[in-house]
């Protein structure tokens, strides 16, 4: 895989890569900038993973309750699962996700 492809796969944007190449064109090392970008991406990724784990737990708990309800329900009974989703305790959307921030150059 080429460096640009690898960087894109890791979540770097074309704008960020153009900034890196601008450092190189000016004869400066972009390493500290790339490091800062990567560090921030890792922070955001870890926050997103935490958010996804919380969503997974909420869905697993909901599914477990539904399974119990289905086990005792009459065939064809309407149990209101979709409407019941409004009562599922979900993690606050975006709370664990870090905001985008400008990385120092």
C-alpha atoms as a PDB file:
ATOM      1  CA  UNK A   1       0.000   0.000   0.000  1.00  0.00           C
ATOM      2  CA  UNK A   2       1.273   3.475  -0.829  1.00  0.00           C
ATOM      3  CA  UNK A   3       1.726   6.026   2.000  1.00  0.00           C
ATOM      4  CA  UNK A   4      -1.172   8.203   0.830  1.00  0.00           C
ATOM      5  CA  UNK A   5      -3.505   5.200   0.609  1.00  0.00           C
ATOM      6  CA  UNK A   6      -2.428   4.067   4.075  1.00  0.00           C
ATOM      7  CA  UNK A   7      -2.966   7.562   5.489  1.00  0.00           C
ATOM      8  CA  UNK A   8      -6.444   7.760   3.953  1.00  0.00           C
ATOM      9  CA  UNK A   9      -7.285   4.298   5.311  1.00  0.00           C
ATOM     10  CA  UNK A  10      -6.258   5.498   8.783  1.00  0.00           C
ATOM     11  CA  UNK A  11      -8.611   8.473   8.556  1.00  0.00           C
ATOM     12  CA  UNK A  12      -6.380  11.272   7.359  1.00  0.00           C
ATOM     13  CA  UNK A  13      -8.212  13.669   5.064  1.00  0.00           C
ATOM     14  CA  UNK A  14      -6.973  14.961   1.749  1.00  0.00           C
ATOM     15  CA  UNK A  15      -6.792  18.431   3.299  1.00  0.00           C
ATOM     16  CA  UNK A  16      -4.557  17.124   6.079  1.00  0.00           C
ATOM     17  CA  UNK A  17      -2.337  15.339   3.586  1.00  0.00           C
ATOM     18  CA  UNK A  18      -2.056  18.509   1.517  1.00  0.00           C
ATOM     19  CA  UNK A  19      -0.864  20.304   4.667  1.00  0.00           C
ATOM     20  CA  UNK A  20       1.774  17.606   5.182  1.00  0.00           C
ATOM     21  CA  UNK A  21       2.974  17.928   1.602  1.00  0.00           C
ATOM     22  CA  UNK A  22       3.075  21.723   2.007  1.00  0.00           C
ATOM     23  CA  UNK A  23       5.580  21.253   4.825  1.00  0.00           C
ATOM     24  CA  UNK A  24       7.709  19.122   2.528  1.00  0.00           C
ATOM     25  CA  UNK A  25       7.509  21.660  -0.318  1.00  0.00           C
ATOM     26  CA  UNK A  26       8.780  24.340   2.066  1.00  0.00           C
ATOM     27  CA  UNK A  27      11.671  22.065   3.025  1.00  0.00           C
ATOM     28  CA  UNK A  28      10.365  21.508   6.549  1.00  0.00           C
ATOM     29  CA  UNK A  29       9.787  18.260   8.395  1.00  0.00           C
ATOM     30  CA  UNK A  30       6.087  17.450   8.779  1.00  0.00           C
ATOM     31  CA  UNK A  31       6.716  14.777  11.411  1.00  0.00           C
ATOM     32  CA  UNK A  32       5.484  16.721  14.457  1.00  0.00           C
ATOM     33  CA  UNK A  33       2.372  17.788  12.570  1.00  0.00           C
ATOM     34  CA  UNK A  34       1.694  14.227  11.382  1.00  0.00           C
ATOM     35  CA  UNK A  35       2.239  12.982  14.929  1.00  0.00           C
ATOM     36  CA  UNK A  36      -0.250  15.522  16.328  1.00  0.00           C
ATOM     37  CA  UNK A  37      -2.813  14.620  13.667  1.00  0.00           C
ATOM     38  CA  UNK A  38      -2.406  10.901  14.377  1.00  0.00           C
ATOM     39  CA  UNK A  39      -2.642  11.426  18.140  1.00  0.00           C
ATOM     40  CA  UNK A  40      -5.895  13.348  17.741  1.00  0.00           C
ATOM     41  CA  UNK A  41      -7.289  10.700  15.381  1.00  0.00           C
ATOM     42  CA  UNK A  42      -6.506   8.001  17.939  1.00  0.00           C
ATOM     43  CA  UNK A  43      -8.270   9.999  20.672  1.00  0.00           C
ATOM     44  CA  UNK A  44     -11.347  10.365  18.478  1.00  0.00           C
ATOM     45  CA  UNK A  45     -11.260   6.692  17.518  1.00  0.00           C
ATOM     46  CA  UNK A  46     -11.038   5.586  21.151  1.00  0.00           C
ATOM     47  CA  UNK A  47     -13.978   7.835  22.039  1.00  0.00           C
ATOM     48  CA  UNK A  48     -16.011   6.408  19.146  1.00  0.00           C
ATOM     49  CA  UNK A  49     -15.197   2.849  20.228  1.00  0.00           C
ATOM     50  CA  UNK A  50     -16.430   3.680  23.742  1.00  0.00           C
ATOM     51  CA  UNK A  51     -19.626   5.108  22.279  1.00  0.00           C
ATOM     52  CA  UNK A  52     -20.128   2.000  20.121  1.00  0.00           C
ATOM     53  CA  UNK A  53     -19.539  -0.290  23.116  1.00  0.00           C
ATOM     54  CA  UNK A  54     -22.228   1.577  25.050  1.00  0.00           C
ATOM     55  CA  UNK A  55     -24.622   1.282  22.116  1.00  0.00           C
ATOM     56  CA  UNK A  56     -23.844  -2.437  21.831  1.00  0.00           C
ATOM     57  CA  UNK A  57     -24.585  -2.925  25.529  1.00  0.00           C
ATOM     58  CA  UNK A  58     -27.884  -1.038  25.262  1.00  0.00           C
ATOM     59  CA  UNK A  59     -28.928  -3.095  22.241  1.00  0.00           C
ATOM     60  CA  UNK A  60     -27.887  -6.382  23.866  1.00  0.00           C
ATOM     61  CA  UNK A  61     -29.914  -5.553  26.992  1.00  0.00           C
ATOM     62  CA  UNK A  62     -32.923  -4.615  24.868  1.00  0.00           C
ATOM     63  CA  UNK A  63     -32.646  -7.760  22.775  1.00  0.00           C
ATOM     64  CA  UNK A  64     -32.434  -9.913  25.897  1.00  0.00           C
ATOM     65  CA  UNK A  65     -35.643  -8.362  27.249  1.00  0.00           C
ATOM     66  CA  UNK A  66     -37.378  -8.861  23.905  1.00  0.00           C
ATOM     67  CA  UNK A  67     -36.291 -12.501  23.788  1.00  0.00           C
ATOM     68  CA  UNK A  68     -37.898 -13.069  27.190  1.00  0.00           C
ATOM     69  CA  UNK A  69     -41.105 -11.365  26.044  1.00  0.00           C
ATOM     70  CA  UNK A  70     -41.247 -13.422  22.865  1.00  0.00           C
ATOM     71  CA  UNK A  71     -40.804 -16.650  24.840  1.00  0.00           C
ATOM     72  CA  UNK A  72     -44.069 -16.072  26.674  1.00  0.00           C
ATOM     73  CA  UNK A  73     -46.049 -14.227  23.985  1.00  0.00           C
ATOM     74  CA  UNK A  74     -48.883 -15.787  22.068  1.00  0.00           C
ATOM     75  CA  UNK A  75     -48.174 -16.430  18.382  1.00  0.00           C
ATOM     76  CA  UNK A  76     -48.909 -13.301  16.360  1.00  0.00           C
ATOM     77  CA  UNK A  77     -49.034 -11.058  19.434  1.00  0.00           C
ATOM     78  CA  UNK A  78     -47.971  -7.461  18.957  1.00  0.00           C
ATOM     79  CA  UNK A  79     -45.417  -6.568  21.615  1.00  0.00           C
ATOM     80  CA  UNK A  80     -44.616  -3.007  20.546  1.00  0.00           C
ATOM     81  CA  UNK A  81     -40.884  -3.479  20.202  1.00  0.00           C
ATOM     82  CA  UNK A  82     -40.395  -0.599  17.805  1.00  0.00           C
ATOM     83  CA  UNK A  83     -42.423   1.798  19.962  1.00  0.00           C
ATOM     84  CA  UNK A  84     -40.564   0.529  23.018  1.00  0.00           C
ATOM     85  CA  UNK A  85     -37.255   1.686  21.580  1.00  0.00           C
ATOM     86  CA  UNK A  86     -38.188   5.194  22.686  1.00  0.00           C
ATOM     87  CA  UNK A  87     -37.796   3.975  26.293  1.00  0.00           C
ATOM     88  CA  UNK A  88     -34.410   2.321  25.795  1.00  0.00           C
ATOM     89  CA  UNK A  89     -31.715   4.055  27.803  1.00  0.00           C
ATOM     90  CA  UNK A  90     -29.134   5.076  25.232  1.00  0.00           C
ATOM     91  CA  UNK A  91     -25.817   6.787  25.804  1.00  0.00           C
ATOM     92  CA  UNK A  92     -26.009  10.468  24.929  1.00  0.00           C
ATOM     93  CA  UNK A  93     -25.266  10.756  21.220  1.00  0.00           C
ATOM     94  CA  UNK A  94     -21.869  12.219  20.680  1.00  0.00           C
ATOM     95  CA  UNK A  95     -21.049  12.827  24.343  1.00  0.00           C
ATOM     96  CA  UNK A  96     -17.995  10.561  24.404  1.00  0.00           C
ATOM     97  CA  UNK A  97     -16.928  11.684  20.958  1.00  0.00           C
ATOM     98  CA  UNK A  98     -14.214  14.326  20.976  1.00  0.00           C
ATOM     99  CA  UNK A  99     -14.847  17.421  18.867  1.00  0.00           C
ATOM    100  CA  UNK A 100     -12.692  18.101  15.851  1.00  0.00           C
ATOM    101  CA  UNK A 101      -9.942  20.516  16.648  1.00  0.00           C
ATOM    102  CA  UNK A 102      -7.262  22.343  14.792  1.00  0.00           C
ATOM    103  CA  UNK A 103      -3.869  20.757  15.180  1.00  0.00           C
ATOM    104  CA  UNK A 104      -0.964  23.076  15.850  1.00  0.00           C
ATOM    105  CA  UNK A 105       1.526  23.423  13.037  1.00  0.00           C
END
